[in-house]
Amino acid sequence: MAYTEAHKRATEKYRKAHLEQVNMRFQKGIKQELKDIANKHSMSLPQMVVTAIRYYDDHTSEEK
């Protein structure tokens, strides 16, 4: 099945409505290391980043 213009428009509409983008820069080699860690835990790299940040927040937050 070919990727049609209608499919392209629908995909872009979904992305705009449901997703946000965050760009990150790392030293060479870090990206692959992070992807390997994520794969080891059966996660995508974005899932691993979100999980790690939430875990860090839960375990380091101080009571105010």
PDB file of N, CA and C in Angstrom:
ATOM      1  N   MET A   1       0.842  -1.181   0.000  1.00  0.00           N
ATOM      2  CA  MET A   1       0.000   0.000   0.000  1.00  0.00           C
ATOM      3  C   MET A   1       0.886   1.243   0.000  1.00  0.00           C
ATOM      4  N   ALA A   2       0.600   2.138  -0.885  1.00  0.00           N
ATOM      5  CA  ALA A   2       1.386   3.361  -1.017  1.00  0.00           C
ATOM      6  C   ALA A   2       1.000   4.364   0.070  1.00  0.00           C
ATOM      7  N   TYR A   3       1.948   5.203   0.410  1.00  0.00           N
ATOM      8  CA  TYR A   3       1.729   6.276   1.378  1.00  0.00           C
ATOM      9  C   TYR A   3       1.122   7.443   0.614  1.00  0.00           C
ATOM     10  N   THR A   4      -0.180   7.647   0.768  1.00  0.00           N
ATOM     11  CA  THR A   4      -0.886   8.659  -0.026  1.00  0.00           C
ATOM     12  C   THR A   4      -0.804  10.034   0.630  1.00  0.00           C
ATOM     13  N   GLU A   5      -1.162  11.044  -0.127  1.00  0.00           N
ATOM     14  CA  GLU A   5      -1.215  12.405   0.411  1.00  0.00           C
ATOM     15  C   GLU A   5      -2.249  12.500   1.531  1.00  0.00           C
ATOM     16  N   ALA A   6      -3.351  11.783   1.408  1.00  0.00           N
ATOM     17  CA  ALA A   6      -4.381  11.789   2.449  1.00  0.00           C
ATOM     18  C   ALA A   6      -3.834  11.189   3.743  1.00  0.00           C
ATOM     19  N   HIS A   7      -3.070  10.115   3.610  1.00  0.00           N
ATOM     20  CA  HIS A   7      -2.449   9.489   4.781  1.00  0.00           C
ATOM     21  C   HIS A   7      -1.446  10.449   5.415  1.00  0.00           C
ATOM     22  N   LYS A   8      -0.682  11.112   4.593  1.00  0.00           N
ATOM     23  CA  LYS A   8       0.297  12.085   5.074  1.00  0.00           C
ATOM     24  C   LYS A   8      -0.396  13.214   5.849  1.00  0.00           C
ATOM     25  N   ARG A   9      -1.491  13.733   5.298  1.00  0.00           N
ATOM     26  CA  ARG A   9      -2.242  14.798   5.976  1.00  0.00           C
ATOM     27  C   ARG A   9      -2.838  14.306   7.287  1.00  0.00           C
ATOM     28  N   ALA A  10      -3.376  13.096   7.297  1.00  0.00           N
ATOM     29  CA  ALA A  10      -3.972  12.539   8.512  1.00  0.00           C
ATOM     30  C   ALA A  10      -2.908  12.337   9.592  1.00  0.00           C
ATOM     31  N   THR A  11      -1.743  11.873   9.197  1.00  0.00           N
ATOM     32  CA  THR A  11      -0.648  11.684  10.147  1.00  0.00           C
ATOM     33  C   THR A  11      -0.225  13.009  10.744  1.00  0.00           C
ATOM     34  N   GLU A  12      -0.077  14.018   9.927  1.00  0.00           N
ATOM     35  CA  GLU A  12       0.319  15.345  10.407  1.00  0.00           C
ATOM     36  C   GLU A  12      -0.744  15.936  11.323  1.00  0.00           C
ATOM     37  N   LYS A  13      -2.002  15.744  10.986  1.00  0.00           N
ATOM     38  CA  LYS A  13      -3.095  16.237  11.830  1.00  0.00           C
ATOM     39  C   LYS A  13      -3.046  15.564  13.201  1.00  0.00           C
ATOM     40  N   TYR A  14      -2.815  14.248  13.227  1.00  0.00           N
ATOM     41  CA  TYR A  14      -2.713  13.513  14.494  1.00  0.00           C
ATOM     42  C   TYR A  14      -1.531  14.035  15.311  1.00  0.00           C
ATOM     43  N   ARG A  15      -0.387  14.200  14.674  1.00  0.00           N
ATOM     44  CA  ARG A  15       0.804  14.693  15.381  1.00  0.00           C
ATOM     45  C   ARG A  15       0.558  16.057  16.017  1.00  0.00           C
ATOM     46  N   LYS A  16      -0.069  16.950  15.276  1.00  0.00           N
ATOM     47  CA  LYS A  16      -0.334  18.289  15.806  1.00  0.00           C
ATOM     48  C   LYS A  16      -1.306  18.247  16.980  1.00  0.00           C
ATOM     49  N   ALA A  17      -2.268  17.349  16.939  1.00  0.00           N
ATOM     50  CA  ALA A  17      -3.293  17.286  17.978  1.00  0.00           C
ATOM     51  C   ALA A  17      -2.838  16.535  19.224  1.00  0.00           C
ATOM     52  N   HIS A  18      -1.919  15.561  19.085  1.00  0.00           N
ATOM     53  CA  HIS A  18      -1.638  14.650  20.188  1.00  0.00           C
ATOM     54  C   HIS A  18      -0.184  14.585  20.654  1.00  0.00           C
ATOM     55  N   LEU A  19       0.731  15.158  19.912  1.00  0.00           N
ATOM     56  CA  LEU A  19       2.140  14.987  20.245  1.00  0.00           C
ATOM     57  C   LEU A  19       2.855  16.326  20.390  1.00  0.00           C
ATOM     58  N   GLU A  20       3.897  16.323  21.211  1.00  0.00           N
ATOM     59  CA  GLU A  20       4.802  17.457  21.328  1.00  0.00           C
ATOM     60  C   GLU A  20       6.210  16.957  21.039  1.00  0.00           C
ATOM     61  N   GLN A  21       7.062  17.846  20.597  1.00  0.00           N
ATOM     62  CA  GLN A  21       8.423  17.454  20.261  1.00  0.00           C
ATOM     63  C   GLN A  21       9.409  18.163  21.165  1.00  0.00           C
ATOM     64  N   VAL A  22      10.399  17.408  21.637  1.00  0.00           N
ATOM     65  CA  VAL A  22      11.483  17.955  22.441  1.00  0.00           C
ATOM     66  C   VAL A  22      12.785  17.526  21.777  1.00  0.00           C
ATOM     67  N   ASN A  23      13.621  18.484  21.439  1.00  0.00           N
ATOM     68  CA  ASN A  23      14.912  18.170  20.836  1.00  0.00           C
ATOM     69  C   ASN A  23      15.986  18.182  21.910  1.00  0.00           C
ATOM     70  N   MET A  24      16.861  17.183  21.874  1.00  0.00           N
ATOM     71  CA  MET A  24      17.940  17.074  22.844  1.00  0.00           C
ATOM     72  C   MET A  24      19.240  16.808  22.091  1.00  0.00           C
ATOM     73  N   ARG A  25      20.328  17.343  22.614  1.00  0.00           N
ATOM     74  CA  ARG A  25      21.640  17.114  22.008  1.00  0.00           C
ATOM     75  C   ARG A  25      22.550  16.437  23.031  1.00  0.00           C
ATOM     76  N   PHE A  26      23.280  15.429  22.565  1.00  0.00           N
ATOM     77  CA  PHE A  26      24.189  14.671  23.414  1.00  0.00           C
ATOM     78  C   PHE A  26      25.546  14.567  22.746  1.00  0.00           C
ATOM     79  N   GLN A  27      26.537  14.231  23.535  1.00  0.00           N
ATOM     80  CA  GLN A  27      27.847  13.940  22.964  1.00  0.00           C
ATOM     81  C   GLN A  27      27.722  12.690  22.102  1.00  0.00           C
ATOM     82  N   LYS A  28      28.587  12.591  21.104  1.00  0.00           N
ATOM     83  CA  LYS A  28      28.577  11.432  20.222  1.00  0.00           C
ATOM     84  C   LYS A  28      28.666  10.148  21.039  1.00  0.00           C
ATOM     85  N   GLY A  29      27.850   9.172  20.666  1.00  0.00           N
ATOM     86  CA  GLY A  29      27.857   7.867  21.320  1.00  0.00           C
ATOM     87  C   GLY A  29      26.820   7.721  22.424  1.00  0.00           C
ATOM     88  N   ILE A  30      26.385   8.814  23.015  1.00  0.00           N
ATOM     89  CA  ILE A  30      25.425   8.748  24.116  1.00  0.00           C
ATOM     90  C   ILE A  30      24.062   8.283  23.614  1.00  0.00           C
ATOM     91  N   LYS A  31      23.649   8.749  22.452  1.00  0.00           N
ATOM     92  CA  LYS A  31      22.338   8.377  21.920  1.00  0.00           C
ATOM     93  C   LYS A  31      22.221   6.860  21.797  1.00  0.00           C
ATOM     94  N   GLN A  32      23.221   6.226  21.232  1.00  0.00           N
ATOM     95  CA  GLN A  32      23.168   4.776  21.065  1.00  0.00           C
ATOM     96  C   GLN A  32      23.182   4.078  22.414  1.00  0.00           C
ATOM     97  N   GLU A  33      23.956   4.593  23.351  1.00  0.00           N
ATOM     98  CA  GLU A  33      23.986   4.019  24.702  1.00  0.00           C
ATOM     99  C   GLU A  33      22.593   4.080  25.337  1.00  0.00           C
ATOM    100  N   LEU A  34      21.919   5.229  25.206  1.00  0.00           N
ATOM    101  CA  LEU A  34      20.582   5.380  25.772  1.00  0.00           C
ATOM    102  C   LEU A  34      19.574   4.475  25.067  1.00  0.00           C
ATOM    103  N   LYS A  35      19.690   4.357  23.744  1.00  0.00           N
ATOM    104  CA  LYS A  35      18.798   3.467  23.006  1.00  0.00           C
ATOM    105  C   LYS A  35      18.985   2.019  23.436  1.00  0.00           C
ATOM    106  N   ASP A  36      20.234   1.617  23.678  1.00  0.00           N
ATOM    107  CA  ASP A  36      20.516   0.253  24.129  1.00  0.00           C
ATOM    108  C   ASP A  36      19.903  -0.006  25.508  1.00  0.00           C
ATOM    109  N   ILE A  37      20.019   0.972  26.397  1.00  0.00           N
ATOM    110  CA  ILE A  37      19.429   0.834  27.737  1.00  0.00           C
ATOM    111  C   ILE A  37      17.913   0.729  27.624  1.00  0.00           C
ATOM    112  N   ALA A  38      17.309   1.586  26.811  1.00  0.00           N
ATOM    113  CA  ALA A  38      15.857   1.543  26.622  1.00  0.00           C
ATOM    114  C   ALA A  38      15.427   0.186  26.064  1.00  0.00           C
ATOM    115  N   ASN A  39      16.139  -0.309  25.065  1.00  0.00           N
ATOM    116  CA  ASN A  39      15.807  -1.609  24.478  1.00  0.00           C
ATOM    117  C   ASN A  39      15.927  -2.731  25.499  1.00  0.00           C
ATOM    118  N   LYS A  40      16.915  -2.647  26.368  1.00  0.00           N
ATOM    119  CA  LYS A  40      17.100  -3.661  27.408  1.00  0.00           C
ATOM    120  C   LYS A  40      15.867  -3.754  28.306  1.00  0.00           C
ATOM    121  N   HIS A  41      15.163  -2.632  28.454  1.00  0.00           N
ATOM    122  CA  HIS A  41      13.970  -2.582  29.300  1.00  0.00           C
ATOM    123  C   HIS A  41      12.680  -2.589  28.471  1.00  0.00           C
ATOM    124  N   SER A  42      12.788  -2.992  27.213  1.00  0.00           N
ATOM    125  CA  SER A  42      11.652  -3.084  26.284  1.00  0.00           C
ATOM    126  C   SER A  42      10.898  -1.761  26.163  1.00  0.00           C
ATOM    127  N   MET A  43      11.648  -0.660  26.073  1.00  0.00           N
ATOM    128  CA  MET A  43      11.058   0.664  25.912  1.00  0.00           C
ATOM    129  C   MET A  43      11.678   1.350  24.703  1.00  0.00           C
ATOM    130  N   SER A  44      10.936   2.325  24.200  1.00  0.00           N
ATOM    131  CA  SER A  44      11.516   3.201  23.193  1.00  0.00           C
ATOM    132  C   SER A  44      12.361   4.247  23.923  1.00  0.00           C
ATOM    133  N   LEU A  45      13.198   4.948  23.192  1.00  0.00           N
ATOM    134  CA  LEU A  45      14.019   5.993  23.811  1.00  0.00           C
ATOM    135  C   LEU A  45      13.151   7.082  24.439  1.00  0.00           C
ATOM    136  N   PRO A  46      12.105   7.580  23.759  1.00  0.00           N
ATOM    137  CA  PRO A  46      11.257   8.580  24.419  1.00  0.00           C
ATOM    138  C   PRO A  46      10.576   8.058  25.693  1.00  0.00           C
ATOM    139  N   GLN A  47      10.113   6.800  25.660  1.00  0.00           N
ATOM    140  CA  GLN A  47       9.507   6.226  26.860  1.00  0.00           C
ATOM    141  C   GLN A  47      10.511   6.179  28.006  1.00  0.00           C
ATOM    142  N   MET A  48      11.749   5.807  27.708  1.00  0.00           N
ATOM    143  CA  MET A  48      12.778   5.706  28.737  1.00  0.00           C
ATOM    144  C   MET A  48      13.102   7.077  29.320  1.00  0.00           C
ATOM    145  N   VAL A  49      13.177   8.093  28.476  1.00  0.00           N
ATOM    146  CA  VAL A  49      13.468   9.448  28.961  1.00  0.00           C
ATOM    147  C   VAL A  49      12.379   9.905  29.922  1.00  0.00           C
ATOM    148  N   VAL A  50      11.122   9.734  29.527  1.00  0.00           N
ATOM    149  CA  VAL A  50      10.010  10.148  30.381  1.00  0.00           C
ATOM    150  C   VAL A  50      10.014   9.355  31.689  1.00  0.00           C
ATOM    151  N   THR A  51      10.208   8.048  31.603  1.00  0.00           N
ATOM    152  CA  THR A  51      10.233   7.202  32.800  1.00  0.00           C
ATOM    153  C   THR A  51      11.362   7.615  33.733  1.00  0.00           C
ATOM    154  N   ALA A  52      12.536   7.871  33.193  1.00  0.00           N
ATOM    155  CA  ALA A  52      13.687   8.253  34.015  1.00  0.00           C
ATOM    156  C   ALA A  52      13.467   9.597  34.699  1.00  0.00           C
ATOM    157  N   ILE A  53      12.911  10.552  33.986  1.00  0.00           N
ATOM    158  CA  ILE A  53      12.667  11.872  34.580  1.00  0.00           C
ATOM    159  C   ILE A  53      11.623  11.776  35.681  1.00  0.00           C
ATOM    160  N   ARG A  54      10.550  11.034  35.435  1.00  0.00           N
ATOM    161  CA  ARG A  54       9.516  10.865  36.464  1.00  0.00           C
ATOM    162  C   ARG A  54      10.071  10.134  37.680  1.00  0.00           C
ATOM    163  N   TYR A  55      10.873   9.096  37.445  1.00  0.00           N
ATOM    164  CA  TYR A  55      11.487   8.354  38.554  1.00  0.00           C
ATOM    165  C   TYR A  55      12.386   9.281  39.370  1.00  0.00           C
ATOM    166  N   TYR A  56      13.204  10.058  38.696  1.00  0.00           N
ATOM    167  CA  TYR A  56      14.105  10.994  39.373  1.00  0.00           C
ATOM    168  C   TYR A  56      13.302  11.990  40.199  1.00  0.00           C
ATOM    169  N   ASP A  57      12.235  12.518  39.622  1.00  0.00           N
ATOM    170  CA  ASP A  57      11.400  13.483  40.332  1.00  0.00           C
ATOM    171  C   ASP A  57      10.757  12.849  41.563  1.00  0.00           C
ATOM    172  N   ASP A  58      10.237  11.652  41.428  1.00  0.00           N
ATOM    173  CA  ASP A  58       9.590  10.959  42.551  1.00  0.00           C
ATOM    174  C   ASP A  58      10.564  10.652  43.682  1.00  0.00           C
ATOM    175  N   HIS A  59      11.820  10.411  43.338  1.00  0.00           N
ATOM    176  CA  HIS A  59      12.780   9.971  44.346  1.00  0.00           C
ATOM    177  C   HIS A  59      13.711  11.079  44.852  1.00  0.00           C
ATOM    178  N   THR A  60      13.592  12.275  44.320  1.00  0.00           N
ATOM    179  CA  THR A  60      14.464  13.353  44.773  1.00  0.00           C
ATOM    180  C   THR A  60      13.700  14.594  45.209  1.00  0.00           C
ATOM    181  N   SER A  61      12.387  14.605  45.020  1.00  0.00           N
ATOM    182  CA  SER A  61      11.615  15.790  45.393  1.00  0.00           C
ATOM    183  C   SER A  61      11.627  15.971  46.899  1.00  0.00           C
ATOM    184  N   GLU A  62      11.760  17.235  47.306  1.00  0.00           N
ATOM    185  CA  GLU A  62      11.715  17.551  48.717  1.00  0.00           C
ATOM    186  C   GLU A  62      10.341  18.092  49.069  1.00  0.00           C
ATOM    187  N   GLU A  63       9.895  17.793  50.281  1.00  0.00           N
ATOM    188  CA  GLU A  63       8.626  18.338  50.752  1.00  0.00           C
ATOM    189  C   GLU A  63       8.802  19.825  50.983  1.00  0.00           C
ATOM    190  N   LYS A  64       7.811  20.611  50.584  1.00  0.00           N
ATOM    191  CA  LYS A  64       7.891  22.059  50.774  1.00  0.00           C
ATOM    192  C   LYS A  64       7.033  22.496  51.920  1.00  0.00           C
TER     193      LYS A  64
END
